[in-house]
Amino acid sequence: MKTLFDMRGNRRLCAAATLVGAAAVTASLVAAAPAPVEQPVNEAAGVSVDVPMNDLSAAIPAHEEVLLQGSTTGSYFWDDASGRQGDTGLPAIGKPMQKGLFASPSWPLGTEGYVFYKGKKAKFFIGDRGPGIPSDRGVMLDIDGKTFAELTGTTWNEDTLTVSGDLGHIPIQYVITKWGDGPGLRSEPVPFSSGAWRS
């Protein structure tokens, strides 16, 4: 069987023809490819997938301002005054426990923002105080159990107030877009034991 080189009889001519042909094909593919379109973030569900982790500000709606950005460890809780699973009573903000209500050891109640975990994003507001002792070990955000389950791809058990699987703490990134009006520290989170939540 004859190769292209054998049929042409001239390797240089064949190489030049191959390069010209490849350039033409590449140019036509580039011209035919549509320009990339930025996909909107789905806010309706509260959690969205495929967030670019290298630039969190790009994942924030244009009308919101990034006031603080960082990373910490997150745990989960569900305080509905039922007394189950270490429940300490209704959230300090005076609203019922709900999806999107997080607890911070130092940020003002009413603070709003987003958390990110493995390409997923969830909107939150600070409605309670905590974690307590774990914040001395760097766990600076308590995520509501339903959101925690969605972020980790697990399920939330309404009866036991637990998340399936063995994840209790996850590394997260956060963005603050609005500070609450009440007492608290408007900067990097600090442990509950510091008392910053009272100032």
C-alpha atoms as a PDB file:
ATOM      1  CA  MET A   1       0.000   0.000   0.000  1.00  0.00           C
ATOM      2  CA  LYS A   2       1.387   3.376  -0.995  1.00  0.00           C
ATOM      3  CA  THR A   3       1.568   6.203   1.495  1.00  0.00           C
ATOM      4  CA  LEU A   4       0.827   9.823   0.748  1.00  0.00           C
ATOM      5  CA  PHE A   5       4.579  10.471   0.679  1.00  0.00           C
ATOM      6  CA  ASP A   6       5.074   7.719  -1.914  1.00  0.00           C
ATOM      7  CA  MET A   7       2.262   9.013  -4.098  1.00  0.00           C
ATOM      8  CA  ARG A   8       3.518  12.596  -4.010  1.00  0.00           C
ATOM      9  CA  GLY A   9       7.146  11.629  -4.441  1.00  0.00           C
ATOM     10  CA  ASN A  10       8.269  14.732  -2.567  1.00  0.00           C
ATOM     11  CA  ARG A  11       8.252  14.888   1.237  1.00  0.00           C
ATOM     12  CA  ARG A  12       8.667  18.660   1.377  1.00  0.00           C
ATOM     13  CA  LEU A  13       5.756  19.265  -0.954  1.00  0.00           C
ATOM     14  CA  CYS A  14       3.613  16.865   1.038  1.00  0.00           C
ATOM     15  CA  ALA A  15       4.560  18.475   4.364  1.00  0.00           C
ATOM     16  CA  ALA A  16       3.780  21.942   3.043  1.00  0.00           C
ATOM     17  CA  ALA A  17       0.443  20.761   1.666  1.00  0.00           C
ATOM     18  CA  THR A  18      -0.393  19.123   4.995  1.00  0.00           C
ATOM     19  CA  LEU A  19       0.386  22.318   6.937  1.00  0.00           C
ATOM     20  CA  VAL A  20      -1.695  24.462   4.575  1.00  0.00           C
ATOM     21  CA  GLY A  21      -4.580  21.987   4.790  1.00  0.00           C
ATOM     22  CA  ALA A  22      -4.396  21.850   8.588  1.00  0.00           C
ATOM     23  CA  ALA A  23      -4.371  25.638   8.822  1.00  0.00           C
ATOM     24  CA  ALA A  24      -7.430  25.860   6.580  1.00  0.00           C
ATOM     25  CA  VAL A  25      -9.329  23.273   8.622  1.00  0.00           C
ATOM     26  CA  THR A  26      -8.367  25.001  11.912  1.00  0.00           C
ATOM     27  CA  ALA A  27      -9.427  28.392  10.571  1.00  0.00           C
ATOM     28  CA  SER A  28     -12.790  27.047   9.432  1.00  0.00           C
ATOM     29  CA  LEU A  29     -13.382  25.348  12.813  1.00  0.00           C
ATOM     30  CA  VAL A  30     -12.529  28.527  14.721  1.00  0.00           C
ATOM     31  CA  ALA A  31     -14.789  30.586  12.478  1.00  0.00           C
ATOM     32  CA  ALA A  32     -17.611  28.087  12.895  1.00  0.00           C
ATOM     33  CA  ALA A  33     -17.332  27.848  16.709  1.00  0.00           C
ATOM     34  CA  PRO A  34     -19.815  30.066  18.551  1.00  0.00           C
ATOM     35  CA  ALA A  35     -18.505  32.631  20.998  1.00  0.00           C
ATOM     36  CA  PRO A  36     -18.674  31.441  24.627  1.00  0.00           C
ATOM     37  CA  VAL A  37     -21.801  32.592  26.418  1.00  0.00           C
ATOM     38  CA  GLU A  38     -21.765  33.222  30.157  1.00  0.00           C
ATOM     39  CA  GLN A  39     -24.444  31.086  31.786  1.00  0.00           C
ATOM     40  CA  PRO A  40     -26.645  32.747  34.395  1.00  0.00           C
ATOM     41  CA  VAL A  41     -26.490  31.409  37.931  1.00  0.00           C
ATOM     42  CA  ASN A  42     -29.683  29.700  39.030  1.00  0.00           C
ATOM     43  CA  GLU A  43     -30.757  31.524  42.175  1.00  0.00           C
ATOM     44  CA  ALA A  44     -34.212  29.968  42.426  1.00  0.00           C
ATOM     45  CA  ALA A  45     -33.031  26.750  44.031  1.00  0.00           C
ATOM     46  CA  GLY A  46     -30.520  28.474  46.273  1.00  0.00           C
ATOM     47  CA  VAL A  47     -27.740  26.119  45.191  1.00  0.00           C
ATOM     48  CA  SER A  48     -26.186  26.182  41.743  1.00  0.00           C
ATOM     49  CA  VAL A  49     -23.533  24.090  40.044  1.00  0.00           C
ATOM     50  CA  ASP A  50     -20.253  24.862  38.253  1.00  0.00           C
ATOM     51  CA  VAL A  51     -19.205  28.083  39.923  1.00  0.00           C
ATOM     52  CA  PRO A  52     -15.727  29.264  38.829  1.00  0.00           C
ATOM     53  CA  MET A  53     -13.697  28.951  42.029  1.00  0.00           C
ATOM     54  CA  ASN A  54     -10.792  31.129  40.877  1.00  0.00           C
ATOM     55  CA  ASP A  55     -12.911  34.296  40.871  1.00  0.00           C
ATOM     56  CA  LEU A  56     -15.810  34.190  43.299  1.00  0.00           C
ATOM     57  CA  SER A  57     -16.855  37.754  42.478  1.00  0.00           C
ATOM     58  CA  ALA A  58     -17.764  36.558  38.964  1.00  0.00           C
ATOM     59  CA  ALA A  59     -20.379  34.255  40.523  1.00  0.00           C
ATOM     60  CA  ILE A  60     -22.114  37.107  42.360  1.00  0.00           C
ATOM     61  CA  PRO A  61     -25.024  38.948  40.700  1.00  0.00           C
ATOM     62  CA  ALA A  62     -23.921  42.268  39.178  1.00  0.00           C
ATOM     63  CA  HIS A  63     -26.165  44.309  41.500  1.00  0.00           C
ATOM     64  CA  GLU A  64     -24.404  42.929  44.606  1.00  0.00           C
ATOM     65  CA  GLU A  65     -21.059  44.122  45.983  1.00  0.00           C
ATOM     66  CA  VAL A  66     -18.357  41.864  47.405  1.00  0.00           C
ATOM     67  CA  LEU A  67     -17.602  43.277  50.873  1.00  0.00           C
ATOM     68  CA  LEU A  68     -15.529  40.378  52.220  1.00  0.00           C
ATOM     69  CA  GLN A  69     -14.234  37.153  50.729  1.00  0.00           C
ATOM     70  CA  GLY A  70     -12.459  34.262  52.410  1.00  0.00           C
ATOM     71  CA  SER A  71     -12.470  30.607  53.377  1.00  0.00           C
ATOM     72  CA  THR A  72     -13.200  28.618  56.518  1.00  0.00           C
ATOM     73  CA  THR A  73     -14.634  25.302  57.695  1.00  0.00           C
ATOM     74  CA  GLY A  74     -18.393  24.873  57.792  1.00  0.00           C
ATOM     75  CA  SER A  75     -20.520  22.571  59.931  1.00  0.00           C
ATOM     76  CA  TYR A  76     -24.299  22.153  59.950  1.00  0.00           C
ATOM     77  CA  PHE A  77     -27.166  22.632  62.398  1.00  0.00           C
ATOM     78  CA  TRP A  78     -30.943  22.861  62.601  1.00  0.00           C
ATOM     79  CA  ASP A  79     -32.347  24.747  65.597  1.00  0.00           C
ATOM     80  CA  ASP A  80     -36.137  24.491  65.555  1.00  0.00           C
ATOM     81  CA  ALA A  81     -36.677  24.452  69.353  1.00  0.00           C
ATOM     82  CA  SER A  82     -37.464  20.733  69.269  1.00  0.00           C
ATOM     83  CA  GLY A  83     -34.538  19.872  71.530  1.00  0.00           C
ATOM     84  CA  ARG A  84     -33.168  17.303  69.057  1.00  0.00           C
ATOM     85  CA  GLN A  85     -29.485  16.934  68.051  1.00  0.00           C
ATOM     86  CA  GLY A  86     -28.096  19.640  70.313  1.00  0.00           C
ATOM     87  CA  ASP A  87     -30.814  22.146  69.401  1.00  0.00           C
ATOM     88  CA  THR A  88     -30.405  25.298  71.464  1.00  0.00           C
ATOM     89  CA  GLY A  89     -33.773  26.889  70.687  1.00  0.00           C
ATOM     90  CA  LEU A  90     -35.106  29.142  67.972  1.00  0.00           C
ATOM     91  CA  PRO A  91     -32.617  31.227  65.952  1.00  0.00           C
ATOM     92  CA  ALA A  92     -31.439  34.462  67.583  1.00  0.00           C
ATOM     93  CA  ILE A  93     -32.730  36.630  64.723  1.00  0.00           C
ATOM     94  CA  GLY A  94     -36.336  35.864  65.710  1.00  0.00           C
ATOM     95  CA  LYS A  95     -37.233  34.034  62.485  1.00  0.00           C
ATOM     96  CA  PRO A  96     -38.068  30.337  62.287  1.00  0.00           C
ATOM     97  CA  MET A  97     -35.337  27.909  61.261  1.00  0.00           C
ATOM     98  CA  GLN A  98     -35.250  27.669  57.488  1.00  0.00           C
ATOM     99  CA  LYS A  99     -33.125  26.847  54.491  1.00  0.00           C
ATOM    100  CA  GLY A 100     -30.522  29.585  53.952  1.00  0.00           C
ATOM    101  CA  LEU A 101     -30.340  30.575  57.637  1.00  0.00           C
ATOM    102  CA  PHE A 102     -26.718  30.186  58.797  1.00  0.00           C
ATOM    103  CA  ALA A 103     -25.041  30.874  62.130  1.00  0.00           C
ATOM    104  CA  SER A 104     -21.860  32.876  62.667  1.00  0.00           C
ATOM    105  CA  PRO A 105     -19.818  33.271  65.840  1.00  0.00           C
ATOM    106  CA  SER A 106     -19.033  36.938  65.092  1.00  0.00           C
ATOM    107  CA  TRP A 107     -20.806  38.442  62.037  1.00  0.00           C
ATOM    108  CA  PRO A 108     -23.848  40.678  62.692  1.00  0.00           C
ATOM    109  CA  LEU A 109     -27.273  39.046  62.444  1.00  0.00           C
ATOM    110  CA  GLY A 110     -28.814  39.815  59.067  1.00  0.00           C
ATOM    111  CA  THR A 111     -25.481  39.624  57.206  1.00  0.00           C
ATOM    112  CA  GLU A 112     -25.965  38.160  53.719  1.00  0.00           C
ATOM    113  CA  GLY A 113     -23.737  36.369  51.268  1.00  0.00           C
ATOM    114  CA  TYR A 114     -22.870  33.160  49.449  1.00  0.00           C
ATOM    115  CA  VAL A 115     -20.907  29.997  50.243  1.00  0.00           C
ATOM    116  CA  PHE A 116     -19.119  27.809  47.714  1.00  0.00           C
ATOM    117  CA  TYR A 117     -18.217  24.131  47.925  1.00  0.00           C
ATOM    118  CA  LYS A 118     -16.887  21.946  45.106  1.00  0.00           C
ATOM    119  CA  GLY A 119     -18.410  24.074  42.358  1.00  0.00           C
ATOM    120  CA  LYS A 120     -21.731  24.611  44.128  1.00  0.00           C
ATOM    121  CA  LYS A 121     -23.025  27.904  45.453  1.00  0.00           C
ATOM    122  CA  ALA A 122     -25.660  28.713  48.084  1.00  0.00           C
ATOM    123  CA  LYS A 123     -27.113  32.036  49.237  1.00  0.00           C
ATOM    124  CA  PHE A 124     -27.384  32.638  52.985  1.00  0.00           C
ATOM    125  CA  PHE A 125     -28.215  35.113  55.720  1.00  0.00           C
ATOM    126  CA  ILE A 126     -26.881  35.052  59.283  1.00  0.00           C
ATOM    127  CA  GLY A 127     -29.779  34.309  61.603  1.00  0.00           C
ATOM    128  CA  ASP A 128     -28.154  32.690  64.609  1.00  0.00           C
ATOM    129  CA  ARG A 129     -25.014  32.497  66.738  1.00  0.00           C
ATOM    130  CA  GLY A 130     -22.558  29.612  66.478  1.00  0.00           C
ATOM    131  CA  PRO A 131     -20.763  27.385  66.221  1.00  0.00           C
ATOM    132  CA  GLY A 132     -19.687  27.726  69.825  1.00  0.00           C
ATOM    133  CA  ILE A 133     -16.699  25.642  70.953  1.00  0.00           C
ATOM    134  CA  PRO A 134     -15.934  24.386  67.384  1.00  0.00           C
ATOM    135  CA  SER A 135     -15.221  27.992  66.355  1.00  0.00           C
ATOM    136  CA  ASP A 136     -12.156  27.887  68.627  1.00  0.00           C
ATOM    137  CA  ARG A 137     -10.899  25.157  66.288  1.00  0.00           C
ATOM    138  CA  GLY A 138     -11.547  27.123  63.073  1.00  0.00           C
ATOM    139  CA  VAL A 139     -15.138  26.074  62.303  1.00  0.00           C
ATOM    140  CA  MET A 140     -16.476  29.557  61.639  1.00  0.00           C
ATOM    141  CA  LEU A 141     -19.800  28.973  59.906  1.00  0.00           C
ATOM    142  CA  ASP A 142     -22.798  26.811  60.759  1.00  0.00           C
ATOM    143  CA  ILE A 143     -24.789  25.991  57.618  1.00  0.00           C
ATOM    144  CA  ASP A 144     -28.428  24.961  57.827  1.00  0.00           C
ATOM    145  CA  GLY A 145     -28.711  21.182  57.377  1.00  0.00           C
ATOM    146  CA  LYS A 146     -30.785  21.332  54.196  1.00  0.00           C
ATOM    147  CA  THR A 147     -28.281  23.552  52.398  1.00  0.00           C
ATOM    148  CA  PHE A 148     -25.379  21.469  53.755  1.00  0.00           C
ATOM    149  CA  ALA A 149     -26.981  18.346  52.264  1.00  0.00           C
ATOM    150  CA  GLU A 150     -27.421  20.023  48.867  1.00  0.00           C
ATOM    151  CA  LEU A 151     -23.854  21.311  48.825  1.00  0.00           C
ATOM    152  CA  THR A 152     -22.438  17.885  49.671  1.00  0.00           C
ATOM    153  CA  GLY A 153     -24.769  15.847  47.443  1.00  0.00           C
ATOM    154  CA  THR A 154     -26.271  14.006  50.403  1.00  0.00           C
ATOM    155  CA  THR A 155     -29.768  13.896  51.871  1.00  0.00           C
ATOM    156  CA  TRP A 156     -31.386  15.659  54.812  1.00  0.00           C
ATOM    157  CA  ASN A 157     -33.344  13.585  57.328  1.00  0.00           C
ATOM    158  CA  GLU A 158     -36.239  15.616  58.799  1.00  0.00           C
ATOM    159  CA  ASP A 159     -36.755  13.102  61.603  1.00  0.00           C
ATOM    160  CA  THR A 160     -33.204  12.879  62.930  1.00  0.00           C
ATOM    161  CA  LEU A 161     -32.080  16.369  61.785  1.00  0.00           C
ATOM    162  CA  THR A 162     -28.940  14.845  60.291  1.00  0.00           C
ATOM    163  CA  VAL A 163     -27.257  14.667  56.905  1.00  0.00           C
ATOM    164  CA  SER A 164     -26.630  11.250  55.368  1.00  0.00           C
ATOM    165  CA  GLY A 165     -23.042  10.071  55.028  1.00  0.00           C
ATOM    166  CA  ASP A 166     -20.125  10.930  57.256  1.00  0.00           C
ATOM    167  CA  LEU A 167     -19.468  14.579  56.385  1.00  0.00           C
ATOM    168  CA  GLY A 168     -19.873  16.869  59.371  1.00  0.00           C
ATOM    169  CA  HIS A 169     -17.395  19.570  58.387  1.00  0.00           C
ATOM    170  CA  ILE A 170     -16.467  20.861  54.934  1.00  0.00           C
ATOM    171  CA  PRO A 171     -13.976  23.427  53.641  1.00  0.00           C
ATOM    172  CA  ILE A 172     -15.915  26.329  52.158  1.00  0.00           C
ATOM    173  CA  GLN A 173     -15.304  29.689  50.578  1.00  0.00           C
ATOM    174  CA  TYR A 174     -17.584  32.616  51.341  1.00  0.00           C
ATOM    175  CA  VAL A 175     -18.494  36.035  50.011  1.00  0.00           C
ATOM    176  CA  ILE A 176     -20.276  38.685  52.096  1.00  0.00           C
ATOM    177  CA  THR A 177     -22.501  41.005  50.048  1.00  0.00           C
ATOM    178  CA  LYS A 178     -24.343  42.827  52.843  1.00  0.00           C
ATOM    179  CA  TRP A 179     -23.577  43.429  56.508  1.00  0.00           C
ATOM    180  CA  GLY A 180     -26.332  43.156  59.092  1.00  0.00           C
ATOM    181  CA  ASP A 181     -27.271  46.192  61.187  1.00  0.00           C
ATOM    182  CA  GLY A 182     -26.822  44.691  64.641  1.00  0.00           C
ATOM    183  CA  PRO A 183     -23.803  44.084  66.843  1.00  0.00           C
ATOM    184  CA  GLY A 184     -20.960  41.982  65.536  1.00  0.00           C
ATOM    185  CA  LEU A 185     -17.662  42.119  63.727  1.00  0.00           C
ATOM    186  CA  ARG A 186     -17.677  43.235  60.087  1.00  0.00           C
ATOM    187  CA  SER A 187     -14.490  41.436  59.114  1.00  0.00           C
ATOM    188  CA  GLU A 188     -12.908  37.975  59.093  1.00  0.00           C
ATOM    189  CA  PRO A 189     -14.819  35.678  61.469  1.00  0.00           C
ATOM    190  CA  VAL A 190     -13.471  35.128  64.981  1.00  0.00           C
ATOM    191  CA  PRO A 191     -14.428  32.500  67.587  1.00  0.00           C
ATOM    192  CA  PHE A 192     -17.618  32.793  69.613  1.00  0.00           C
ATOM    193  CA  SER A 193     -15.513  32.908  72.795  1.00  0.00           C
ATOM    194  CA  SER A 194     -14.063  36.276  71.711  1.00  0.00           C
ATOM    195  CA  GLY A 195     -17.432  37.917  72.437  1.00  0.00           C
ATOM    196  CA  ALA A 196     -17.224  39.898  69.165  1.00  0.00           C
ATOM    197  CA  TRP A 197     -20.874  39.094  68.442  1.00  0.00           C
ATOM    198  CA  ARG A 198     -21.868  41.388  71.343  1.00  0.00           C
ATOM    199  CA  SER A 199     -19.877  44.443  70.250  1.00  0.00           C
END
